[in-house]
């Protein structure tokens, strides 16, 4: 292994750790309940669940777009 590949790996790891810390801070600050109304549906849940759901949805959309653009 070269020095440059080791440095890139450490930079990536540090970036992921910083991103995870930011996500945990945002989630910890949004623990209260929120009511959502979508057409005929009304439901309430923690903001944390909605934020995580949107993150997962965004990730999945990004992956689908990435795969479709490769072809």
N, C-alpha and C. Protein backbone atom coordinates (compact mmCIF):
# COMPACT_ATOMS: atom_id res chain seq x y z
N UNK A 1 0.83 -1.19 0.00
CA UNK A 1 0.00 0.00 0.00
C UNK A 1 0.87 1.24 0.00
N UNK A 2 0.49 2.18 -0.82
CA UNK A 2 1.23 3.41 -0.88
C UNK A 2 0.75 4.41 0.17
N UNK A 3 1.56 5.43 0.34
CA UNK A 3 1.23 6.46 1.33
C UNK A 3 -0.01 7.23 0.89
N UNK A 4 -0.15 7.48 -0.41
CA UNK A 4 -1.29 8.28 -0.87
C UNK A 4 -2.62 7.56 -0.66
N UNK A 5 -2.65 6.24 -0.87
CA UNK A 5 -3.90 5.51 -0.65
C UNK A 5 -4.26 5.46 0.83
N UNK A 6 -3.25 5.38 1.70
CA UNK A 6 -3.50 5.40 3.14
C UNK A 6 -4.04 6.75 3.57
N UNK A 7 -3.49 7.83 3.03
CA UNK A 7 -3.96 9.18 3.37
C UNK A 7 -5.38 9.40 2.88
N UNK A 8 -5.70 8.91 1.68
CA UNK A 8 -7.06 9.05 1.15
C UNK A 8 -8.05 8.30 2.03
N UNK A 9 -7.67 7.12 2.49
CA UNK A 9 -8.55 6.33 3.33
C UNK A 9 -8.81 7.05 4.65
N UNK A 10 -7.79 7.63 5.24
CA UNK A 10 -7.96 8.35 6.50
C UNK A 10 -8.80 9.60 6.31
N UNK A 11 -8.63 10.31 5.22
CA UNK A 11 -9.45 11.49 4.94
C UNK A 11 -10.91 11.10 4.78
N UNK A 12 -11.15 10.01 4.10
CA UNK A 12 -12.53 9.54 3.93
C UNK A 12 -13.14 9.14 5.26
N UNK A 13 -12.38 8.45 6.09
CA UNK A 13 -12.86 8.02 7.40
C UNK A 13 -13.17 9.23 8.28
N UNK A 14 -12.31 10.21 8.28
CA UNK A 14 -12.55 11.43 9.06
C UNK A 14 -13.79 12.14 8.55
N UNK A 15 -13.97 12.21 7.24
CA UNK A 15 -15.16 12.85 6.67
C UNK A 15 -16.44 12.14 7.08
N UNK A 16 -16.42 10.81 7.07
CA UNK A 16 -17.60 10.03 7.47
C UNK A 16 -17.89 10.23 8.95
N UNK A 17 -16.86 10.24 9.78
CA UNK A 17 -17.06 10.45 11.22
C UNK A 17 -17.64 11.83 11.50
N UNK A 18 -17.13 12.86 10.84
CA UNK A 18 -17.66 14.22 11.02
C UNK A 18 -19.11 14.28 10.58
N UNK A 19 -19.43 13.68 9.45
CA UNK A 19 -20.80 13.66 8.96
C UNK A 19 -21.73 12.95 9.94
N UNK A 20 -21.31 11.82 10.49
CA UNK A 20 -22.11 11.09 11.46
C UNK A 20 -22.33 11.90 12.73
N UNK A 21 -21.31 12.62 13.18
CA UNK A 21 -21.46 13.47 14.37
C UNK A 21 -22.48 14.56 14.11
N UNK A 22 -22.44 15.19 12.94
CA UNK A 22 -23.41 16.23 12.61
C UNK A 22 -24.82 15.65 12.57
N UNK A 23 -24.98 14.47 11.98
CA UNK A 23 -26.30 13.83 11.90
C UNK A 23 -26.82 13.52 13.30
N UNK A 24 -25.98 13.00 14.18
CA UNK A 24 -26.41 12.69 15.55
C UNK A 24 -26.82 13.96 16.28
N UNK A 25 -26.09 15.05 16.11
CA UNK A 25 -26.45 16.31 16.76
C UNK A 25 -27.81 16.81 16.27
N UNK A 26 -28.04 16.77 14.96
CA UNK A 26 -29.32 17.22 14.41
C UNK A 26 -30.45 16.34 14.91
N UNK A 27 -30.26 15.05 14.93
CA UNK A 27 -31.30 14.14 15.41
C UNK A 27 -31.59 14.34 16.89
N UNK A 28 -30.55 14.58 17.68
CA UNK A 28 -30.74 14.77 19.12
C UNK A 28 -31.52 16.05 19.42
N UNK A 29 -31.41 17.03 18.57
CA UNK A 29 -32.11 18.29 18.79
C UNK A 29 -33.56 18.27 18.30
N UNK A 30 -33.96 17.23 17.61
CA UNK A 30 -35.31 17.15 17.04
C UNK A 30 -36.05 15.93 17.57
N UNK A 31 -36.24 15.90 18.89
CA UNK A 31 -36.87 14.75 19.51
C UNK A 31 -38.37 14.93 19.72
N UNK A 32 -38.92 16.09 19.47
CA UNK A 32 -40.33 16.32 19.75
C UNK A 32 -41.22 15.71 18.66
N UNK A 33 -42.51 15.64 18.98
CA UNK A 33 -43.49 15.08 18.05
C UNK A 33 -43.90 16.14 17.02
N UNK A 34 -44.27 15.67 15.85
CA UNK A 34 -44.75 16.55 14.80
C UNK A 34 -45.94 15.87 14.12
N UNK A 35 -46.92 16.66 13.71
CA UNK A 35 -48.08 16.11 13.00
C UNK A 35 -47.89 16.35 11.51
N UNK A 36 -48.14 15.31 10.74
CA UNK A 36 -48.01 15.37 9.29
C UNK A 36 -49.39 15.14 8.68
N UNK A 37 -49.74 15.99 7.74
CA UNK A 37 -51.00 15.84 7.01
C UNK A 37 -50.68 15.74 5.53
N UNK A 38 -51.01 14.61 4.94
CA UNK A 38 -50.81 14.38 3.52
C UNK A 38 -52.14 13.93 2.94
N UNK A 39 -52.74 14.78 2.16
CA UNK A 39 -54.06 14.54 1.57
C UNK A 39 -55.06 14.11 2.66
N UNK A 40 -55.41 12.84 2.71
CA UNK A 40 -56.40 12.36 3.67
C UNK A 40 -55.78 11.71 4.89
N UNK A 41 -54.48 11.61 4.94
CA UNK A 41 -53.80 10.95 6.05
C UNK A 41 -53.34 11.99 7.07
N UNK A 42 -53.53 11.67 8.32
CA UNK A 42 -53.03 12.50 9.42
C UNK A 42 -52.31 11.57 10.38
N UNK A 43 -51.06 11.85 10.66
CA UNK A 43 -50.34 11.04 11.63
C UNK A 43 -49.30 11.88 12.32
N UNK A 44 -48.88 11.42 13.48
CA UNK A 44 -47.85 12.13 14.23
C UNK A 44 -46.78 11.13 14.67
N UNK A 45 -45.58 11.60 14.73
CA UNK A 45 -44.44 10.78 15.14
C UNK A 45 -43.30 11.72 15.50
N UNK A 46 -42.22 11.14 15.98
CA UNK A 46 -41.04 11.94 16.30
C UNK A 46 -40.44 12.53 15.02
N UNK A 47 -39.91 13.73 15.14
CA UNK A 47 -39.21 14.33 14.00
C UNK A 47 -38.04 13.48 13.56
N UNK A 48 -37.44 12.79 14.52
CA UNK A 48 -36.28 11.94 14.21
C UNK A 48 -36.63 10.92 13.13
N UNK A 49 -37.82 10.32 13.26
CA UNK A 49 -38.22 9.30 12.28
C UNK A 49 -38.39 9.90 10.89
N UNK A 50 -38.95 11.10 10.82
CA UNK A 50 -39.13 11.73 9.52
C UNK A 50 -37.80 12.15 8.91
N UNK A 51 -36.89 12.65 9.73
CA UNK A 51 -35.58 13.07 9.22
C UNK A 51 -34.81 11.85 8.71
N UNK A 52 -34.80 10.78 9.49
CA UNK A 52 -34.10 9.56 9.05
C UNK A 52 -34.76 8.99 7.80
N UNK A 53 -36.09 9.02 7.75
CA UNK A 53 -36.80 8.53 6.56
C UNK A 53 -36.45 9.33 5.31
N UNK A 54 -36.37 10.64 5.46
CA UNK A 54 -36.00 11.48 4.32
C UNK A 54 -34.56 11.23 3.90
N UNK A 55 -33.68 11.03 4.88
CA UNK A 55 -32.28 10.71 4.55
C UNK A 55 -32.18 9.41 3.76
N UNK A 56 -32.89 8.39 4.22
CA UNK A 56 -32.86 7.10 3.54
C UNK A 56 -33.46 7.22 2.15
N UNK A 57 -34.58 7.94 2.04
CA UNK A 57 -35.21 8.15 0.73
C UNK A 57 -34.26 8.88 -0.22
N UNK A 58 -33.60 9.91 0.26
CA UNK A 58 -32.64 10.65 -0.57
C UNK A 58 -31.48 9.78 -1.01
N UNK A 59 -31.00 8.94 -0.10
CA UNK A 59 -29.91 8.03 -0.45
C UNK A 59 -30.36 7.06 -1.54
N UNK A 60 -31.55 6.49 -1.39
CA UNK A 60 -32.05 5.53 -2.37
C UNK A 60 -32.27 6.18 -3.73
N UNK A 61 -32.81 7.39 -3.75
CA UNK A 61 -33.00 8.10 -5.02
C UNK A 61 -31.65 8.36 -5.68
N UNK A 62 -30.66 8.75 -4.88
CA UNK A 62 -29.32 8.97 -5.42
C UNK A 62 -28.71 7.72 -6.01
N UNK A 63 -28.89 6.61 -5.33
CA UNK A 63 -28.35 5.34 -5.84
C UNK A 63 -29.04 4.93 -7.14
N UNK A 64 -30.37 5.09 -7.20
CA UNK A 64 -31.11 4.73 -8.42
C UNK A 64 -30.65 5.62 -9.58
N UNK A 65 -30.49 6.92 -9.33
CA UNK A 65 -30.03 7.82 -10.39
C UNK A 65 -28.62 7.46 -10.83
N UNK A 66 -27.76 7.12 -9.88
CA UNK A 66 -26.39 6.75 -10.22
C UNK A 66 -26.37 5.51 -11.11
N UNK A 67 -27.14 4.51 -10.77
CA UNK A 67 -27.18 3.28 -11.57
C UNK A 67 -27.78 3.54 -12.94
N UNK A 68 -28.83 4.36 -12.99
CA UNK A 68 -29.47 4.62 -14.29
C UNK A 68 -28.59 5.48 -15.20
N UNK A 69 -27.79 6.36 -14.63
CA UNK A 69 -26.91 7.21 -15.45
C UNK A 69 -25.68 6.47 -15.93
N UNK A 70 -25.30 5.40 -15.26
CA UNK A 70 -24.14 4.61 -15.69
C UNK A 70 -24.42 3.86 -16.99
N UNK A 71 -25.69 3.50 -17.20
CA UNK A 71 -26.04 2.70 -18.38
C UNK A 71 -26.12 3.51 -19.61
